[in-house]
């Protein structure tokens, strides 16, 4: 019989995990999109921002799923990375729908992670 920890996770934590997973996914998709666009979108700095955000989102989800006692600290770092990524994507959006969606997902994740960190 399989055991699932989802039953013991709060609905707020489950929501945060989902937002982290969504943000991880769109940041990786956006990184590829930006490489296709080229120019400043493909810069090392922007690619690092996107990939840092994706990685910390995956890590935050993992810490919450494991119900780690330090998930709040990881979520605080995730919120900061997401805010930075949202600002970077928004600043480069220039009407690009993928960049706008990435910024929105990052902001949603940052807000949820801030609540988990509190």
PDB file of N, CA and C in Angstrom:
ATOM      1  N   UNK A   1       0.840  -1.175   0.000  1.00  0.00           N
ATOM      2  CA  UNK A   1       0.000   0.000   0.000  1.00  0.00           C
ATOM      3  C   UNK A   1       0.887   1.240   0.000  1.00  0.00           C
ATOM      4  N   UNK A   2       0.661   2.123  -0.945  1.00  0.00           N
ATOM      5  CA  UNK A   2       1.454   3.349  -1.057  1.00  0.00           C
ATOM      6  C   UNK A   2       1.019   4.348   0.002  1.00  0.00           C
ATOM      7  N   UNK A   3       1.990   5.058   0.524  1.00  0.00           N
ATOM      8  CA  UNK A   3       1.712   6.089   1.523  1.00  0.00           C
ATOM      9  C   UNK A   3       1.926   7.446   0.868  1.00  0.00           C
ATOM     10  N   UNK A   4       0.999   8.336   1.042  1.00  0.00           N
ATOM     11  CA  UNK A   4       1.126   9.679   0.474  1.00  0.00           C
ATOM     12  C   UNK A   4       1.142  10.712   1.596  1.00  0.00           C
ATOM     13  N   UNK A   5       2.050  11.673   1.468  1.00  0.00           N
ATOM     14  CA  UNK A   5       2.151  12.721   2.477  1.00  0.00           C
ATOM     15  C   UNK A   5       1.207  13.876   2.173  1.00  0.00           C
ATOM     16  N   UNK A   6       0.570  13.850   1.016  1.00  0.00           N
ATOM     17  CA  UNK A   6      -0.292  14.945   0.611  1.00  0.00           C
ATOM     18  C   UNK A   6      -1.417  15.173   1.623  1.00  0.00           C
ATOM     19  N   UNK A   7      -1.889  14.111   2.254  1.00  0.00           N
ATOM     20  CA  UNK A   7      -2.980  14.238   3.215  1.00  0.00           C
ATOM     21  C   UNK A   7      -2.590  15.101   4.406  1.00  0.00           C
ATOM     22  N   UNK A   8      -1.319  15.120   4.770  1.00  0.00           N
ATOM     23  CA  UNK A   8      -0.904  15.889   5.932  1.00  0.00           C
ATOM     24  C   UNK A   8      -0.402  17.284   5.574  1.00  0.00           C
ATOM     25  N   UNK A   9      -0.374  17.621   4.310  1.00  0.00           N
ATOM     26  CA  UNK A   9       0.022  18.966   3.889  1.00  0.00           C
ATOM     27  C   UNK A   9      -1.182  19.890   3.968  1.00  0.00           C
ATOM     28  N   UNK A  10      -0.960  21.099   4.439  1.00  0.00           N
ATOM     29  CA  UNK A  10      -2.059  22.064   4.479  1.00  0.00           C
ATOM     30  C   UNK A  10      -2.437  22.461   3.053  1.00  0.00           C
ATOM     31  N   UNK A  11      -3.628  22.976   2.892  1.00  0.00           N
ATOM     32  CA  UNK A  11      -4.053  23.408   1.550  1.00  0.00           C
ATOM     33  C   UNK A  11      -3.178  24.568   1.071  1.00  0.00           C
ATOM     34  N   UNK A  12      -2.749  25.416   1.998  1.00  0.00           N
ATOM     35  CA  UNK A  12      -1.872  26.533   1.626  1.00  0.00           C
ATOM     36  C   UNK A  12      -0.519  26.018   1.118  1.00  0.00           C
ATOM     37  N   UNK A  13      -0.014  24.977   1.766  1.00  0.00           N
ATOM     38  CA  UNK A  13       1.263  24.400   1.331  1.00  0.00           C
ATOM     39  C   UNK A  13       1.091  23.693  -0.012  1.00  0.00           C
ATOM     40  N   UNK A  14      -0.011  22.979  -0.197  1.00  0.00           N
ATOM     41  CA  UNK A  14      -0.267  22.322  -1.477  1.00  0.00           C
ATOM     42  C   UNK A  14      -0.349  23.347  -2.603  1.00  0.00           C
ATOM     43  N   UNK A  15      -0.978  24.472  -2.318  1.00  0.00           N
ATOM     44  CA  UNK A  15      -1.075  25.547  -3.316  1.00  0.00           C
ATOM     45  C   UNK A  15       0.303  26.110  -3.640  1.00  0.00           C
ATOM     46  N   UNK A  16       1.123  26.284  -2.634  1.00  0.00           N
ATOM     47  CA  UNK A  16       2.469  26.805  -2.845  1.00  0.00           C
ATOM     48  C   UNK A  16       3.309  25.826  -3.654  1.00  0.00           C
ATOM     49  N   UNK A  17       3.194  24.556  -3.354  1.00  0.00           N
ATOM     50  CA  UNK A  17       3.920  23.537  -4.120  1.00  0.00           C
ATOM     51  C   UNK A  17       3.521  23.614  -5.593  1.00  0.00           C
ATOM     52  N   UNK A  18       2.230  23.714  -5.852  1.00  0.00           N
ATOM     53  CA  UNK A  18       1.750  23.799  -7.240  1.00  0.00           C
ATOM     54  C   UNK A  18       2.291  25.045  -7.934  1.00  0.00           C
ATOM     55  N   UNK A  19       2.326  26.165  -7.231  1.00  0.00           N
ATOM     56  CA  UNK A  19       2.849  27.398  -7.832  1.00  0.00           C
ATOM     57  C   UNK A  19       4.346  27.286  -8.084  1.00  0.00           C
ATOM     58  N   UNK A  20       5.068  26.620  -7.184  1.00  0.00           N
ATOM     59  CA  UNK A  20       6.499  26.401  -7.391  1.00  0.00           C
ATOM     60  C   UNK A  20       6.748  25.514  -8.615  1.00  0.00           C
ATOM     61  N   UNK A  21       5.968  24.459  -8.751  1.00  0.00           N
ATOM     62  CA  UNK A  21       6.119  23.552  -9.894  1.00  0.00           C
ATOM     63  C   UNK A  21       5.797  24.292 -11.194  1.00  0.00           C
ATOM     64  N   UNK A  22       4.726  25.086 -11.187  1.00  0.00           N
ATOM     65  CA  UNK A  22       4.364  25.870 -12.372  1.00  0.00           C
ATOM     66  C   UNK A  22       5.468  26.858 -12.738  1.00  0.00           C
ATOM     67  N   UNK A  23       5.988  27.545 -11.719  1.00  0.00           N
ATOM     68  CA  UNK A  23       7.031  28.546 -11.957  1.00  0.00           C
ATOM     69  C   UNK A  23       8.295  27.870 -12.485  1.00  0.00           C
ATOM     70  N   UNK A  24       8.665  26.748 -11.907  1.00  0.00           N
ATOM     71  CA  UNK A  24       9.826  25.987 -12.386  1.00  0.00           C
ATOM     72  C   UNK A  24       9.679  25.684 -13.873  1.00  0.00           C
ATOM     73  N   UNK A  25       8.516  25.203 -14.245  1.00  0.00           N
ATOM     74  CA  UNK A  25       8.268  24.820 -15.626  1.00  0.00           C
ATOM     75  C   UNK A  25       8.339  26.013 -16.580  1.00  0.00           C
ATOM     76  N   UNK A  26       7.655  27.094 -16.233  1.00  0.00           N
ATOM     77  CA  UNK A  26       7.632  28.233 -17.163  1.00  0.00           C
ATOM     78  C   UNK A  26       8.989  28.924 -17.236  1.00  0.00           C
ATOM     79  N   UNK A  27       9.746  28.926 -16.143  1.00  0.00           N
ATOM     80  CA  UNK A  27      11.082  29.533 -16.199  1.00  0.00           C
ATOM     81  C   UNK A  27      11.993  28.753 -17.142  1.00  0.00           C
ATOM     82  N   UNK A  28      11.925  27.428 -17.098  1.00  0.00           N
ATOM     83  CA  UNK A  28      12.742  26.631 -18.021  1.00  0.00           C
ATOM     84  C   UNK A  28      12.285  26.823 -19.464  1.00  0.00           C
ATOM     85  N   UNK A  29      10.977  26.878 -19.686  1.00  0.00           N
ATOM     86  CA  UNK A  29      10.462  27.115 -21.039  1.00  0.00           C
ATOM     87  C   UNK A  29      10.884  28.495 -21.529  1.00  0.00           C
ATOM     88  N   UNK A  30      10.819  29.480 -20.641  1.00  0.00           N
ATOM     89  CA  UNK A  30      11.175  30.847 -21.009  1.00  0.00           C
ATOM     90  C   UNK A  30      12.666  30.954 -21.302  1.00  0.00           C
ATOM     91  N   UNK A  31      13.498  30.224 -20.569  1.00  0.00           N
ATOM     92  CA  UNK A  31      14.935  30.246 -20.840  1.00  0.00           C
ATOM     93  C   UNK A  31      15.208  29.792 -22.273  1.00  0.00           C
ATOM     94  N   UNK A  32      14.553  28.728 -22.699  1.00  0.00           N
ATOM     95  CA  UNK A  32      14.709  28.272 -24.074  1.00  0.00           C
ATOM     96  C   UNK A  32      14.182  29.277 -25.077  1.00  0.00           C
ATOM     97  N   UNK A  33      13.033  29.857 -24.770  1.00  0.00           N
ATOM     98  CA  UNK A  33      12.432  30.887 -25.621  1.00  0.00           C
ATOM     99  C   UNK A  33      13.393  32.060 -25.781  1.00  0.00           C
ATOM    100  N   UNK A  34      14.006  32.452 -24.681  1.00  0.00           N
ATOM    101  CA  UNK A  34      14.926  33.593 -24.709  1.00  0.00           C
ATOM    102  C   UNK A  34      16.179  33.285 -25.519  1.00  0.00           C
ATOM    103  N   UNK A  35      16.637  32.045 -25.455  1.00  0.00           N
ATOM    104  CA  UNK A  35      17.783  31.667 -26.283  1.00  0.00           C
ATOM    105  C   UNK A  35      17.428  31.767 -27.764  1.00  0.00           C
ATOM    106  N   UNK A  36      16.184  31.396 -28.095  1.00  0.00           N
ATOM    107  CA  UNK A  36      15.728  31.508 -29.483  1.00  0.00           C
ATOM    108  C   UNK A  36      15.663  32.963 -29.937  1.00  0.00           C
ATOM    109  N   UNK A  37      15.236  33.853 -29.040  1.00  0.00           N
ATOM    110  CA  UNK A  37      15.140  35.274 -29.374  1.00  0.00           C
ATOM    111  C   UNK A  37      16.529  35.870 -29.559  1.00  0.00           C
ATOM    112  N   UNK A  38      17.429  35.498 -28.656  1.00  0.00           N
ATOM    113  CA  UNK A  38      18.800  36.000 -28.731  1.00  0.00           C
ATOM    114  C   UNK A  38      18.943  37.380 -28.096  1.00  0.00           C
ATOM    115  N   UNK A  39      20.061  38.010 -28.365  1.00  0.00           N
ATOM    116  CA  UNK A  39      20.342  39.337 -27.819  1.00  0.00           C
ATOM    117  C   UNK A  39      20.376  39.328 -26.303  1.00  0.00           C
ATOM    118  N   UNK A  40      19.824  40.391 -25.699  1.00  0.00           N
ATOM    119  CA  UNK A  40      19.852  40.502 -24.234  1.00  0.00           C
ATOM    120  C   UNK A  40      19.074  39.380 -23.553  1.00  0.00           C
ATOM    121  N   UNK A  41      18.107  38.803 -24.256  1.00  0.00           N
ATOM    122  CA  UNK A  41      17.341  37.682 -23.703  1.00  0.00           C
ATOM    123  C   UNK A  41      18.221  36.456 -23.479  1.00  0.00           C
ATOM    124  N   UNK A  42      19.248  36.318 -24.292  1.00  0.00           N
ATOM    125  CA  UNK A  42      20.143  35.166 -24.201  1.00  0.00           C
ATOM    126  C   UNK A  42      21.378  35.458 -23.349  1.00  0.00           C
ATOM    127  N   UNK A  43      21.423  36.619 -22.737  1.00  0.00           N
ATOM    128  CA  UNK A  43      22.601  36.975 -21.939  1.00  0.00           C
ATOM    129  C   UNK A  43      22.793  36.015 -20.775  1.00  0.00           C
ATOM    130  N   UNK A  44      24.026  35.866 -20.356  1.00  0.00           N
ATOM    131  CA  UNK A  44      24.340  34.993 -19.227  1.00  0.00           C
ATOM    132  C   UNK A  44      23.547  35.423 -17.995  1.00  0.00           C
ATOM    133  N   UNK A  45      23.471  36.719 -17.748  1.00  0.00           N
ATOM    134  CA  UNK A  45      22.775  37.221 -16.565  1.00  0.00           C
ATOM    135  C   UNK A  45      21.295  36.825 -16.584  1.00  0.00           C
ATOM    136  N   UNK A  46      20.626  37.027 -17.709  1.00  0.00           N
ATOM    137  CA  UNK A  46      19.202  36.710 -17.778  1.00  0.00           C
ATOM    138  C   UNK A  46      18.975  35.201 -17.708  1.00  0.00           C
ATOM    139  N   UNK A  47      19.797  34.439 -18.403  1.00  0.00           N
ATOM    140  CA  UNK A  47      19.671  32.979 -18.359  1.00  0.00           C
ATOM    141  C   UNK A  47      19.902  32.452 -16.942  1.00  0.00           C
ATOM    142  N   UNK A  48      20.860  33.034 -16.247  1.00  0.00           N
ATOM    143  CA  UNK A  48      21.128  32.620 -14.869  1.00  0.00           C
ATOM    144  C   UNK A  48      19.946  32.946 -13.969  1.00  0.00           C
ATOM    145  N   UNK A  49      19.355  34.116 -14.147  1.00  0.00           N
ATOM    146  CA  UNK A  49      18.188  34.514 -13.351  1.00  0.00           C
ATOM    147  C   UNK A  49      17.039  33.527 -13.554  1.00  0.00           C
ATOM    148  N   UNK A  50      16.758  33.197 -14.797  1.00  0.00           N
ATOM    149  CA  UNK A  50      15.682  32.247 -15.105  1.00  0.00           C
ATOM    150  C   UNK A  50      15.963  30.861 -14.527  1.00  0.00           C
ATOM    151  N   UNK A  51      17.172  30.397 -14.698  1.00  0.00           N
ATOM    152  CA  UNK A  51      17.516  29.045 -14.245  1.00  0.00           C
ATOM    153  C   UNK A  51      17.652  28.968 -12.724  1.00  0.00           C
ATOM    154  N   UNK A  52      18.132  30.055 -12.096  1.00  0.00           N
ATOM    155  CA  UNK A  52      18.158  30.102 -10.629  1.00  0.00           C
ATOM    156  C   UNK A  52      16.744  30.004 -10.079  1.00  0.00           C
ATOM    157  N   UNK A  53      15.840  30.749 -10.684  1.00  0.00           N
ATOM    158  CA  UNK A  53      14.455  30.741 -10.240  1.00  0.00           C
ATOM    159  C   UNK A  53      13.856  29.348 -10.412  1.00  0.00           C
ATOM    160  N   UNK A  54      14.071  28.753 -11.558  1.00  0.00           N
ATOM    161  CA  UNK A  54      13.543  27.411 -11.808  1.00  0.00           C
ATOM    162  C   UNK A  54      14.074  26.416 -10.780  1.00  0.00           C
ATOM    163  N   UNK A  55      15.364  26.477 -10.506  1.00  0.00           N
ATOM    164  CA  UNK A  55      15.965  25.505  -9.592  1.00  0.00           C
ATOM    165  C   UNK A  55      15.480  25.685  -8.161  1.00  0.00           C
ATOM    166  N   UNK A  56      15.401  26.938  -7.682  1.00  0.00           N
ATOM    167  CA  UNK A  56      14.966  27.148  -6.297  1.00  0.00           C
ATOM    168  C   UNK A  56      13.481  26.821  -6.152  1.00  0.00           C
ATOM    169  N   UNK A  57      12.695  27.004  -7.200  1.00  0.00           N
ATOM    170  CA  UNK A  57      11.281  26.609  -7.146  1.00  0.00           C
ATOM    171  C   UNK A  57      11.154  25.095  -6.992  1.00  0.00           C
ATOM    172  N   UNK A  58      11.941  24.351  -7.744  1.00  0.00           N
ATOM    173  CA  UNK A  58      11.922  22.888  -7.625  1.00  0.00           C
ATOM    174  C   UNK A  58      12.384  22.469  -6.231  1.00  0.00           C
ATOM    175  N   UNK A  59      13.403  23.136  -5.727  1.00  0.00           N
ATOM    176  CA  UNK A  59      13.924  22.816  -4.402  1.00  0.00           C
ATOM    177  C   UNK A  59      12.894  23.147  -3.321  1.00  0.00           C
ATOM    178  N   UNK A  60      12.229  24.286  -3.447  1.00  0.00           N
ATOM    179  CA  UNK A  60      11.200  24.658  -2.468  1.00  0.00           C
ATOM    180  C   UNK A  60      10.072  23.643  -2.441  1.00  0.00           C
ATOM    181  N   UNK A  61       9.623  23.251  -3.616  1.00  0.00           N
ATOM    182  CA  UNK A  61       8.555  22.241  -3.683  1.00  0.00           C
ATOM    183  C   UNK A  61       9.014  20.953  -3.007  1.00  0.00           C
ATOM    184  N   UNK A  62      10.237  20.558  -3.250  1.00  0.00           N
ATOM    185  CA  UNK A  62      10.783  19.345  -2.651  1.00  0.00           C
ATOM    186  C   UNK A  62      10.813  19.452  -1.122  1.00  0.00           C
ATOM    187  N   UNK A  63      11.282  20.577  -0.593  1.00  0.00           N
ATOM    188  CA  UNK A  63      11.346  20.750   0.860  1.00  0.00           C
ATOM    189  C   UNK A  63       9.953  20.731   1.483  1.00  0.00           C
ATOM    190  N   UNK A  64       8.979  21.327   0.810  1.00  0.00           N
ATOM    191  CA  UNK A  64       7.612  21.300   1.341  1.00  0.00           C
ATOM    192  C   UNK A  64       7.025  19.903   1.267  1.00  0.00           C
ATOM    193  N   UNK A  65       7.250  19.202   0.154  1.00  0.00           N
ATOM    194  CA  UNK A  65       6.730  17.842   0.018  1.00  0.00           C
ATOM    195  C   UNK A  65       7.293  16.916   1.093  1.00  0.00           C
ATOM    196  N   UNK A  66       8.544  17.143   1.464  1.00  0.00           N
ATOM    197  CA  UNK A  66       9.177  16.333   2.503  1.00  0.00           C
ATOM    198  C   UNK A  66       8.833  16.849   3.899  1.00  0.00           C
ATOM    199  N   UNK A  67       8.139  17.961   3.954  1.00  0.00           N
ATOM    200  CA  UNK A  67       7.779  18.618   5.213  1.00  0.00           C
ATOM    201  C   UNK A  67       9.027  18.889   6.051  1.00  0.00           C
ATOM    202  N   UNK A  68      10.049  19.371   5.378  1.00  0.00           N
ATOM    203  CA  UNK A  68      11.290  19.717   6.056  1.00  0.00           C
ATOM    204  C   UNK A  68      11.040  20.847   7.053  1.00  0.00           C
ATOM    205  N   UNK A  69      11.709  20.770   8.190  1.00  0.00           N
ATOM    206  CA  UNK A  69      11.542  21.810   9.212  1.00  0.00           C
ATOM    207  C   UNK A  69      12.137  23.139   8.772  1.00  0.00           C
ATOM    208  N   UNK A  70      12.947  23.147   7.712  1.00  0.00           N
ATOM    209  CA  UNK A  70      13.534  24.404   7.237  1.00  0.00           C
ATOM    210  C   UNK A  70      12.923  24.867   5.910  1.00  0.00           C
ATOM    211  N   UNK A  71      11.753  24.322   5.569  1.00  0.00           N
ATOM    212  CA  UNK A  71      11.131  24.730   4.297  1.00  0.00           C
ATOM    213  C   UNK A  71      10.865  26.232   4.260  1.00  0.00           C
ATOM    214  N   UNK A  72      10.582  26.848   5.383  1.00  0.00           N
ATOM    215  CA  UNK A  72      10.326  28.290   5.405  1.00  0.00           C
ATOM    216  C   UNK A  72      11.520  29.098   4.955  1.00  0.00           C
ATOM    217  N   UNK A  73      12.713  28.674   5.345  1.00  0.00           N
ATOM    218  CA  UNK A  73      13.932  29.374   4.921  1.00  0.00           C
ATOM    219  C   UNK A  73      14.140  29.236   3.419  1.00  0.00           C
ATOM    220  N   UNK A  74      13.884  28.044   2.913  1.00  0.00           N
ATOM    221  CA  UNK A  74      14.033  27.809   1.477  1.00  0.00           C
ATOM    222  C   UNK A  74      12.984  28.623   0.721  1.00  0.00           C
ATOM    223  N   UNK A  75      11.770  28.674   1.251  1.00  0.00           N
ATOM    224  CA  UNK A  75      10.705  29.451   0.607  1.00  0.00           C
ATOM    225  C   UNK A  75      11.028  30.944   0.593  1.00  0.00           C
ATOM    226  N   UNK A  76      11.671  31.437   1.626  1.00  0.00           N
ATOM    227  CA  UNK A  76      12.053  32.859   1.653  1.00  0.00           C
ATOM    228  C   UNK A  76      13.044  33.154   0.526  1.00  0.00           C
ATOM    229  N   UNK A  77      13.998  32.271   0.324  1.00  0.00           N
ATOM    230  CA  UNK A  77      14.963  32.437  -0.766  1.00  0.00           C
ATOM    231  C   UNK A  77      14.268  32.317  -2.112  1.00  0.00           C
ATOM    232  N   UNK A  78      13.332  31.399  -2.204  1.00  0.00           N
ATOM    233  CA  UNK A  78      12.575  31.216  -3.437  1.00  0.00           C
ATOM    234  C   UNK A  78      11.789  32.484  -3.780  1.00  0.00           C
ATOM    235  N   UNK A  79      11.165  33.073  -2.776  1.00  0.00           N
ATOM    236  CA  UNK A  79      10.390  34.298  -3.012  1.00  0.00           C
ATOM    237  C   UNK A  79      11.282  35.398  -3.573  1.00  0.00           C
ATOM    238  N   UNK A  80      12.474  35.527  -3.045  1.00  0.00           N
ATOM    239  CA  UNK A  80      13.416  36.548  -3.531  1.00  0.00           C
ATOM    240  C   UNK A  80      13.839  36.259  -4.972  1.00  0.00           C
ATOM    241  N   UNK A  81      14.171  35.014  -5.265  1.00  0.00           N
ATOM    242  CA  UNK A  81      14.567  34.654  -6.635  1.00  0.00           C
ATOM    243  C   UNK A  81      13.420  34.890  -7.614  1.00  0.00           C
ATOM    244  N   UNK A  82      12.207  34.567  -7.193  1.00  0.00           N
ATOM    245  CA  UNK A  82      11.036  34.762  -8.049  1.00  0.00           C
ATOM    246  C   UNK A  82      10.775  36.248  -8.305  1.00  0.00           C
ATOM    247  N   UNK A  83      10.937  37.070  -7.288  1.00  0.00           N
ATOM    248  CA  UNK A  83      10.753  38.520  -7.483  1.00  0.00           C
ATOM    249  C   UNK A  83      11.767  39.049  -8.493  1.00  0.00           C
ATOM    250  N   UNK A  84      13.005  38.635  -8.344  1.00  0.00           N
ATOM    251  CA  UNK A  84      14.049  39.088  -9.275  1.00  0.00           C
ATOM    252  C   UNK A  84      13.765  38.624 -10.698  1.00  0.00           C
ATOM    253  N   UNK A  85      13.326  37.384 -10.837  1.00  0.00           N
ATOM    254  CA  UNK A  85      13.029  36.856 -12.163  1.00  0.00           C
ATOM    255  C   UNK A  85      11.831  37.583 -12.775  1.00  0.00           C
ATOM    256  N   UNK A  86      10.811  37.842 -11.966  1.00  0.00           N
ATOM    257  CA  UNK A  86       9.635  38.564 -12.460  1.00  0.00           C
ATOM    258  C   UNK A  86      10.033  39.941 -12.981  1.00  0.00           C
ATOM    259  N   UNK A  87      10.863  40.636 -12.229  1.00  0.00           N
ATOM    260  CA  UNK A  87      11.313  41.969 -12.653  1.00  0.00           C
ATOM    261  C   UNK A  87      12.113  41.893 -13.947  1.00  0.00           C
ATOM    262  N   UNK A  88      12.984  40.905 -14.048  1.00  0.00           N
ATOM    263  CA  UNK A  88      13.804  40.762 -15.259  1.00  0.00           C
ATOM    264  C   UNK A  88      12.931  40.460 -16.475  1.00  0.00           C
ATOM    265  N   UNK A  89      11.992  39.526 -16.320  1.00  0.00           N
ATOM    266  CA  UNK A  89      11.130  39.166 -17.447  1.00  0.00           C
ATOM    267  C   UNK A  89      10.204  40.310 -17.832  1.00  0.00           C
ATOM    268  N   UNK A  90       9.665  40.972 -16.846  1.00  0.00           N
ATOM    269  CA  UNK A  90       8.787  42.108 -17.121  1.00  0.00           C
ATOM    270  C   UNK A  90       9.548  43.215 -17.842  1.00  0.00           C
ATOM    271  N   UNK A  91      10.788  43.442 -17.432  1.00  0.00           N
ATOM    272  CA  UNK A  91      11.601  44.481 -18.046  1.00  0.00           C
ATOM    273  C   UNK A  91      11.986  44.187 -19.485  1.00  0.00           C
ATOM    274  N   UNK A  92      11.958  42.927 -19.861  1.00  0.00           N
ATOM    275  CA  UNK A  92      12.328  42.537 -21.222  1.00  0.00           C
ATOM    276  C   UNK A  92      11.128  42.107 -22.057  1.00  0.00           C
ATOM    277  N   UNK A  93       9.943  42.141 -21.500  1.00  0.00           N
ATOM    278  CA  UNK A  93       8.765  41.580 -22.166  1.00  0.00           C
ATOM    279  C   UNK A  93       8.502  42.205 -23.529  1.00  0.00           C
ATOM    280  N   UNK A  94       8.486  43.513 -23.603  1.00  0.00           N
ATOM    281  CA  UNK A  94       8.268  44.217 -24.868  1.00  0.00           C
ATOM    282  C   UNK A  94       7.161  43.575 -25.701  1.00  0.00           C
ATOM    283  N   UNK A  95       6.042  43.246 -25.034  1.00  0.00           N
ATOM    284  CA  UNK A  95       4.894  42.669 -25.732  1.00  0.00           C
ATOM    285  C   UNK A  95       4.973  41.163 -25.931  1.00  0.00           C
ATOM    286  N   UNK A  96       6.037  40.527 -25.471  1.00  0.00           N
ATOM    287  CA  UNK A  96       6.202  39.083 -25.633  1.00  0.00           C
ATOM    288  C   UNK A  96       5.351  38.350 -24.596  1.00  0.00           C
ATOM    289  N   UNK A  97       4.414  37.532 -25.078  1.00  0.00           N
ATOM    290  CA  UNK A  97       3.472  36.836 -24.193  1.00  0.00           C
ATOM    291  C   UNK A  97       4.166  35.851 -23.252  1.00  0.00           C
ATOM    292  N   UNK A  98       5.171  35.143 -23.728  1.00  0.00           N
ATOM    293  CA  UNK A  98       5.888  34.172 -22.885  1.00  0.00           C
ATOM    294  C   UNK A  98       6.593  34.884 -21.733  1.00  0.00           C
ATOM    295  N   UNK A  99       7.208  36.011 -22.004  1.00  0.00           N
ATOM    296  CA  UNK A  99       7.899  36.775 -20.963  1.00  0.00           C
ATOM    297  C   UNK A  99       6.894  37.301 -19.936  1.00  0.00           C
ATOM    298  N   UNK A 100       5.763  37.750 -20.408  1.00  0.00           N
ATOM    299  CA  UNK A 100       4.724  38.261 -19.511  1.00  0.00           C
ATOM    300  C   UNK A 100       4.181  37.136 -18.627  1.00  0.00           C
ATOM    301  N   UNK A 101       3.927  35.978 -19.227  1.00  0.00           N
ATOM    302  CA  UNK A 101       3.419  34.838 -18.451  1.00  0.00           C
ATOM    303  C   UNK A 101       4.429  34.378 -17.419  1.00  0.00           C
ATOM    304  N   UNK A 102       5.700  34.411 -17.775  1.00  0.00           N
ATOM    305  CA  UNK A 102       6.744  34.016 -16.835  1.00  0.00           C
ATOM    306  C   UNK A 102       6.767  34.981 -15.647  1.00  0.00           C
ATOM    307  N   UNK A 103       6.699  36.274 -15.927  1.00  0.00           N
ATOM    308  CA  UNK A 103       6.700  37.275 -14.854  1.00  0.00           C
ATOM    309  C   UNK A 103       5.501  37.072 -13.931  1.00  0.00           C
ATOM    310  N   UNK A 104       4.349  36.796 -14.505  1.00  0.00           N
ATOM    311  CA  UNK A 104       3.141  36.584 -13.695  1.00  0.00           C
ATOM    312  C   UNK A 104       3.272  35.335 -12.817  1.00  0.00           C
ATOM    313  N   UNK A 105       3.777  34.250 -13.378  1.00  0.00           N
ATOM    314  CA  UNK A 105       3.952  33.012 -12.605  1.00  0.00           C
ATOM    315  C   UNK A 105       4.956  33.222 -11.477  1.00  0.00           C
ATOM    316  N   UNK A 106       6.008  33.960 -11.765  1.00  0.00           N
ATOM    317  CA  UNK A 106       7.019  34.246 -10.739  1.00  0.00           C
ATOM    318  C   UNK A 106       6.425  35.080  -9.609  1.00  0.00           C
ATOM    319  N   UNK A 107       5.606  36.055  -9.941  1.00  0.00           N
ATOM    320  CA  UNK A 107       4.980  36.884  -8.896  1.00  0.00           C
ATOM    321  C   UNK A 107       4.022  36.052  -8.033  1.00  0.00           C
ATOM    322  N   UNK A 108       3.234  35.205  -8.665  1.00  0.00           N
ATOM    323  CA  UNK A 108       2.326  34.339  -7.901  1.00  0.00           C
ATOM    324  C   UNK A 108       3.110  33.424  -6.960  1.00  0.00           C
ATOM    325  N   UNK A 109       4.193  32.860  -7.464  1.00  0.00           N
ATOM    326  CA  UNK A 109       5.014  31.968  -6.648  1.00  0.00           C
ATOM    327  C   UNK A 109       5.662  32.735  -5.502  1.00  0.00           C
ATOM    328  N   UNK A 110       6.170  33.923  -5.784  1.00  0.00           N
ATOM    329  CA  UNK A 110       6.812  34.725  -4.745  1.00  0.00           C
ATOM    330  C   UNK A 110       5.836  35.031  -3.612  1.00  0.00           C
ATOM    331  N   UNK A 111       4.624  35.409  -3.971  1.00  0.00           N
ATOM    332  CA  UNK A 111       3.613  35.725  -2.947  1.00  0.00           C
ATOM    333  C   UNK A 111       3.287  34.505  -2.102  1.00  0.00           C
ATOM    334  N   UNK A 112       3.155  33.352  -2.735  1.00  0.00           N
ATOM    335  CA  UNK A 112       2.823  32.131  -2.007  1.00  0.00           C
ATOM    336  C   UNK A 112       3.995  31.704  -1.113  1.00  0.00           C
ATOM    337  N   UNK A 113       5.210  31.788  -1.633  1.00  0.00           N
ATOM    338  CA  UNK A 113       6.380  31.412  -0.843  1.00  0.00           C
ATOM    339  C   UNK A 113       6.600  32.363   0.334  1.00  0.00           C
ATOM    340  N   UNK A 114       6.272  33.631   0.136  1.00  0.00           N
ATOM    341  CA  UNK A 114       6.383  34.585   1.253  1.00  0.00           C
ATOM    342  C   UNK A 114       5.467  34.158   2.394  1.00  0.00           C
ATOM    343  N   UNK A 115       4.264  33.690   2.065  1.00  0.00           N
ATOM    344  CA  UNK A 115       3.345  33.224   3.114  1.00  0.00           C
ATOM    345  C   UNK A 115       3.906  31.984   3.817  1.00  0.00           C
ATOM    346  N   UNK A 116       4.557  31.099   3.060  1.00  0.00           N
ATOM    347  CA  UNK A 116       5.135  29.900   3.659  1.00  0.00           C
ATOM    348  C   UNK A 116       6.333  30.249   4.553  1.00  0.00           C
ATOM    349  N   UNK A 117       7.021  31.316   4.202  1.00  0.00           N
ATOM    350  CA  UNK A 117       8.224  31.717   4.954  1.00  0.00           C
ATOM    351  C   UNK A 117       7.867  32.438   6.246  1.00  0.00           C
ATOM    352  N   UNK A 118       6.640  32.962   6.316  1.00  0.00           N
ATOM    353  CA  UNK A 118       6.244  33.761   7.479  1.00  0.00           C
ATOM    354  C   UNK A 118       6.034  32.911   8.717  1.00  0.00           C
TER     355      UNK A 118
END
